[in-house]
Amino acid sequence: KTTVLAPENPDVWLLMGDALFYSGHPDQAIHSYEKAGQLGAEKAAEGVEKCRHVLNSRAASRHGNSGAVQHERAAQHFNLAHASIRAGDRAEAVQHYLKCMELVGEATSGDRTFKAFVAYQCGVCLLNQFQLQGVDPAWFSKPQKQAASMVKDLWGTTLRLYRTLQPADLQSEHGALLRKHVPAILKDPVMR
């Protein structure tokens, strides 16, 4: 109904795509994301990509690829983490990121790229949840010190996996974001 009342509003189409995607209808959500993209929404391409990923995983699982089922579950946890952040629940988001990391292997460069990116995102989530940015680690409270230790471990995973990637691996969306953020990870006081 909202898309009828505001058919030229890209945010309405993005929200419609999110609603359809998170309710288990990526095949329908992709059309809403594509419409949002046509109207200039910056996040539309991300929505289309996650729909295609889920649809491809489903197709592969119907053809006996159990690894695809695991990838679909990982993608679901990744998307639930983002939904939790939007809902203001960073603690739940961290749990979804960790479950996603557990489900993603390291056998292929694509898996390593994605897992490195998820570990980075999880670290950022903790950094924000415990307000670690711009604070001298010497002043961290006990919970902040524990969170900082977890961030250090997560970002250590990011760096370990990043070092295994080839330049071609860094051309993907997640690879490009890793290439952009790894220098900041190396300089962050939490990593000392």
Protein backbone atom coordinates (compact mmCIF):
# COMPACT_ATOMS: atom_id res chain seq x y z
CA LYS A 1 0.00 0.00 0.00
CA THR A 2 2.85 2.38 0.86
CA THR A 3 4.46 1.83 -2.53
CA VAL A 4 1.18 2.97 -4.09
CA LEU A 5 1.07 6.12 -1.93
CA ALA A 6 4.76 7.00 -2.47
CA PRO A 7 5.86 5.19 -5.64
CA GLU A 8 8.83 7.52 -6.27
CA ASN A 9 10.31 7.27 -2.77
CA PRO A 10 13.37 4.95 -2.85
CA ASP A 11 13.29 4.48 0.95
CA VAL A 12 9.82 2.98 0.72
CA TRP A 13 11.05 0.45 -1.82
CA LEU A 14 14.12 -0.36 0.32
CA LEU A 15 11.90 -0.97 3.34
CA MET A 16 9.58 -3.14 1.26
CA GLY A 17 12.61 -5.13 0.08
CA ASP A 18 13.83 -5.56 3.67
CA ALA A 19 10.39 -6.68 4.84
CA LEU A 20 10.11 -9.24 2.06
CA PHE A 21 13.68 -10.45 2.46
CA TYR A 22 13.54 -10.89 6.24
CA SER A 23 10.18 -12.62 5.99
CA GLY A 24 11.76 -15.26 3.74
CA HIS A 25 10.82 -13.98 0.28
CA PRO A 26 14.07 -12.96 -1.45
CA ASP A 27 12.53 -13.77 -4.83
CA GLN A 28 10.01 -10.97 -4.28
CA ALA A 29 12.38 -8.67 -2.38
CA ILE A 30 14.79 -8.45 -5.30
CA HIS A 31 12.18 -6.56 -7.35
CA SER A 32 11.72 -3.96 -4.59
CA TYR A 33 15.47 -3.48 -4.25
CA GLU A 34 15.83 -3.10 -8.02
CA LYS A 35 13.07 -0.44 -8.02
CA ALA A 36 14.82 1.36 -5.14
CA GLY A 37 18.02 1.31 -7.20
CA GLN A 38 16.25 2.78 -10.20
CA LEU A 39 15.09 5.60 -7.92
CA GLY A 40 18.66 6.25 -6.71
CA ALA A 41 18.86 4.40 -3.38
CA GLU A 42 22.52 3.76 -2.50
CA LYS A 43 21.87 0.54 -0.52
CA ALA A 44 19.76 -1.08 -3.26
CA ALA A 45 22.67 -2.98 -4.83
CA GLU A 46 23.48 -4.55 -1.45
CA GLY A 47 19.86 -5.76 -1.19
CA VAL A 48 19.91 -7.24 -4.68
CA GLU A 49 23.22 -8.99 -3.91
CA LYS A 50 21.98 -10.58 -0.69
CA CYS A 51 18.79 -11.78 -2.45
CA ARG A 52 20.81 -13.33 -5.27
CA HIS A 53 23.12 -14.97 -2.76
CA VAL A 54 20.21 -16.60 -0.90
CA LEU A 55 18.46 -17.61 -4.12
CA ASN A 56 21.67 -19.15 -5.50
CA SER A 57 22.27 -20.98 -2.22
CA ARG A 58 18.74 -22.37 -2.29
CA ALA A 59 19.17 -23.54 -5.87
CA ALA A 60 22.45 -25.24 -5.01
CA SER A 61 20.95 -26.93 -1.95
CA ARG A 62 18.14 -28.38 -4.07
CA HIS A 63 20.85 -30.03 -6.15
CA GLY A 64 22.46 -31.78 -3.18
CA ASN A 65 25.10 -29.20 -2.19
CA SER A 66 25.12 -29.26 1.63
CA GLY A 67 27.81 -26.58 1.69
CA ALA A 68 25.32 -24.25 0.04
CA VAL A 69 22.87 -24.83 2.89
CA GLN A 70 25.58 -23.84 5.37
CA HIS A 71 26.34 -20.73 3.30
CA GLU A 72 22.65 -19.82 3.28
CA ARG A 73 22.48 -20.16 7.06
CA ALA A 74 25.61 -18.02 7.38
CA ALA A 75 24.09 -15.37 5.11
CA GLN A 76 20.92 -15.41 7.20
CA HIS A 77 22.92 -14.78 10.39
CA PHE A 78 24.87 -12.01 8.66
CA ASN A 79 21.63 -10.34 7.60
CA LEU A 80 20.08 -10.83 11.04
CA ALA A 81 23.14 -9.13 12.55
CA HIS A 82 22.49 -6.09 10.35
CA ALA A 83 18.80 -6.12 11.27
CA SER A 84 19.74 -6.29 14.97
CA ILE A 85 22.03 -3.28 14.59
CA ARG A 86 19.24 -1.32 12.90
CA ALA A 87 16.98 -2.30 15.82
CA GLY A 88 19.61 -1.03 18.28
CA ASP A 89 20.54 -4.45 19.69
CA ARG A 90 24.29 -4.73 19.20
CA ALA A 91 24.62 -7.63 21.67
CA GLU A 92 22.30 -9.74 19.53
CA ALA A 93 24.12 -8.59 16.40
CA VAL A 94 27.42 -9.85 17.84
CA GLN A 95 25.87 -13.28 18.46
CA HIS A 96 24.65 -13.45 14.85
CA TYR A 97 28.07 -12.38 13.51
CA LEU A 98 29.77 -15.06 15.62
CA LYS A 99 27.34 -17.74 14.42
CA CYS A 100 27.94 -16.61 10.84
CA MET A 101 31.71 -16.95 11.33
CA GLU A 102 31.21 -20.42 12.78
CA LEU A 103 29.30 -21.51 9.67
CA VAL A 104 31.71 -20.09 7.08
CA GLY A 105 34.71 -22.21 6.25
CA GLU A 106 38.10 -21.08 4.98
CA ALA A 107 38.60 -23.47 2.07
CA THR A 108 38.02 -20.97 -0.73
CA SER A 109 39.22 -17.41 -1.16
CA GLY A 110 35.57 -16.31 -1.31
CA ASP A 111 34.91 -17.92 2.08
CA ARG A 112 38.05 -16.35 3.58
CA THR A 113 37.12 -12.92 2.21
CA PHE A 114 33.60 -13.14 3.62
CA LYS A 115 34.75 -14.51 6.99
CA ALA A 116 37.41 -11.80 7.30
CA PHE A 117 34.77 -9.17 6.59
CA VAL A 118 32.33 -10.66 9.13
CA ALA A 119 35.07 -10.71 11.78
CA TYR A 120 35.81 -7.05 11.00
CA GLN A 121 32.10 -6.12 11.22
CA CYS A 122 31.71 -7.99 14.51
CA GLY A 123 34.70 -6.11 15.94
CA VAL A 124 33.23 -2.78 14.86
CA CYS A 125 29.93 -3.75 16.46
CA LEU A 126 31.66 -4.46 19.78
CA LEU A 127 33.71 -1.27 19.48
CA ASN A 128 30.47 0.72 19.21
CA GLN A 129 28.54 -1.30 21.79
CA PHE A 130 31.19 -0.76 24.47
CA GLN A 131 32.12 2.77 23.33
CA LEU A 132 35.78 1.93 22.83
CA GLN A 133 36.47 4.48 20.09
CA GLY A 134 38.57 7.45 21.10
CA VAL A 135 39.18 6.13 24.61
CA ASP A 136 42.68 5.39 25.85
CA PRO A 137 42.74 1.63 26.61
CA ALA A 138 44.36 2.46 29.96
CA TRP A 139 40.99 3.94 31.01
CA PHE A 140 38.82 1.00 29.94
CA SER A 141 36.47 -0.48 32.53
CA LYS A 142 36.58 -4.24 33.10
CA PRO A 143 33.73 -4.91 30.58
CA GLN A 144 35.45 -2.61 28.08
CA LYS A 145 38.74 -4.50 28.53
CA GLN A 146 36.95 -7.80 27.88
CA ALA A 147 35.26 -6.37 24.79
CA ALA A 148 38.58 -4.91 23.58
CA SER A 149 40.19 -8.34 23.95
CA MET A 150 37.42 -9.86 21.84
CA VAL A 151 37.80 -7.10 19.22
CA LYS A 152 41.53 -7.80 19.11
CA ASP A 153 40.86 -11.52 18.54
CA LEU A 154 38.25 -10.82 15.86
CA TRP A 155 40.44 -8.34 14.04
CA GLY A 156 43.35 -10.78 14.38
CA THR A 157 41.19 -13.24 12.45
CA THR A 158 40.46 -10.54 9.89
CA LEU A 159 44.17 -9.84 9.41
CA ARG A 160 45.13 -13.54 9.31
CA LEU A 161 42.57 -14.24 6.58
CA TYR A 162 43.29 -10.98 4.73
CA ARG A 163 46.95 -12.00 4.36
CA THR A 164 45.86 -15.15 2.48
CA LEU A 165 43.96 -13.21 -0.19
CA GLN A 166 45.15 -12.38 -3.67
CA PRO A 167 44.60 -8.96 -5.32
CA ALA A 168 41.74 -10.41 -7.39
CA ASP A 169 39.96 -11.45 -4.16
CA LEU A 170 39.95 -7.82 -3.04
CA GLN A 171 37.87 -6.74 -6.05
CA SER A 172 34.63 -8.11 -4.54
CA GLU A 173 32.44 -5.81 -2.43
CA HIS A 174 33.66 -7.35 0.83
CA GLY A 175 37.26 -7.50 -0.38
CA ALA A 176 37.24 -3.83 -1.34
CA LEU A 177 35.88 -2.90 2.09
CA LEU A 178 38.58 -4.98 3.76
CA ARG A 179 41.26 -3.28 1.67
CA LYS A 180 39.86 0.06 2.82
CA HIS A 181 39.61 -0.79 6.55
CA VAL A 182 42.63 -3.02 7.25
CA PRO A 183 45.02 -0.03 7.57
CA ALA A 184 42.73 1.45 10.25
CA ILE A 185 42.65 -1.87 12.10
CA LEU A 186 46.44 -1.92 12.20
CA LYS A 187 46.53 1.60 13.71
CA ASP A 188 43.68 1.15 16.21
CA PRO A 189 44.80 1.38 19.87
CA VAL A 190 42.78 -1.78 20.64
CA MET A 191 45.25 -3.78 18.54
CA ARG A 192 48.24 -2.82 20.70
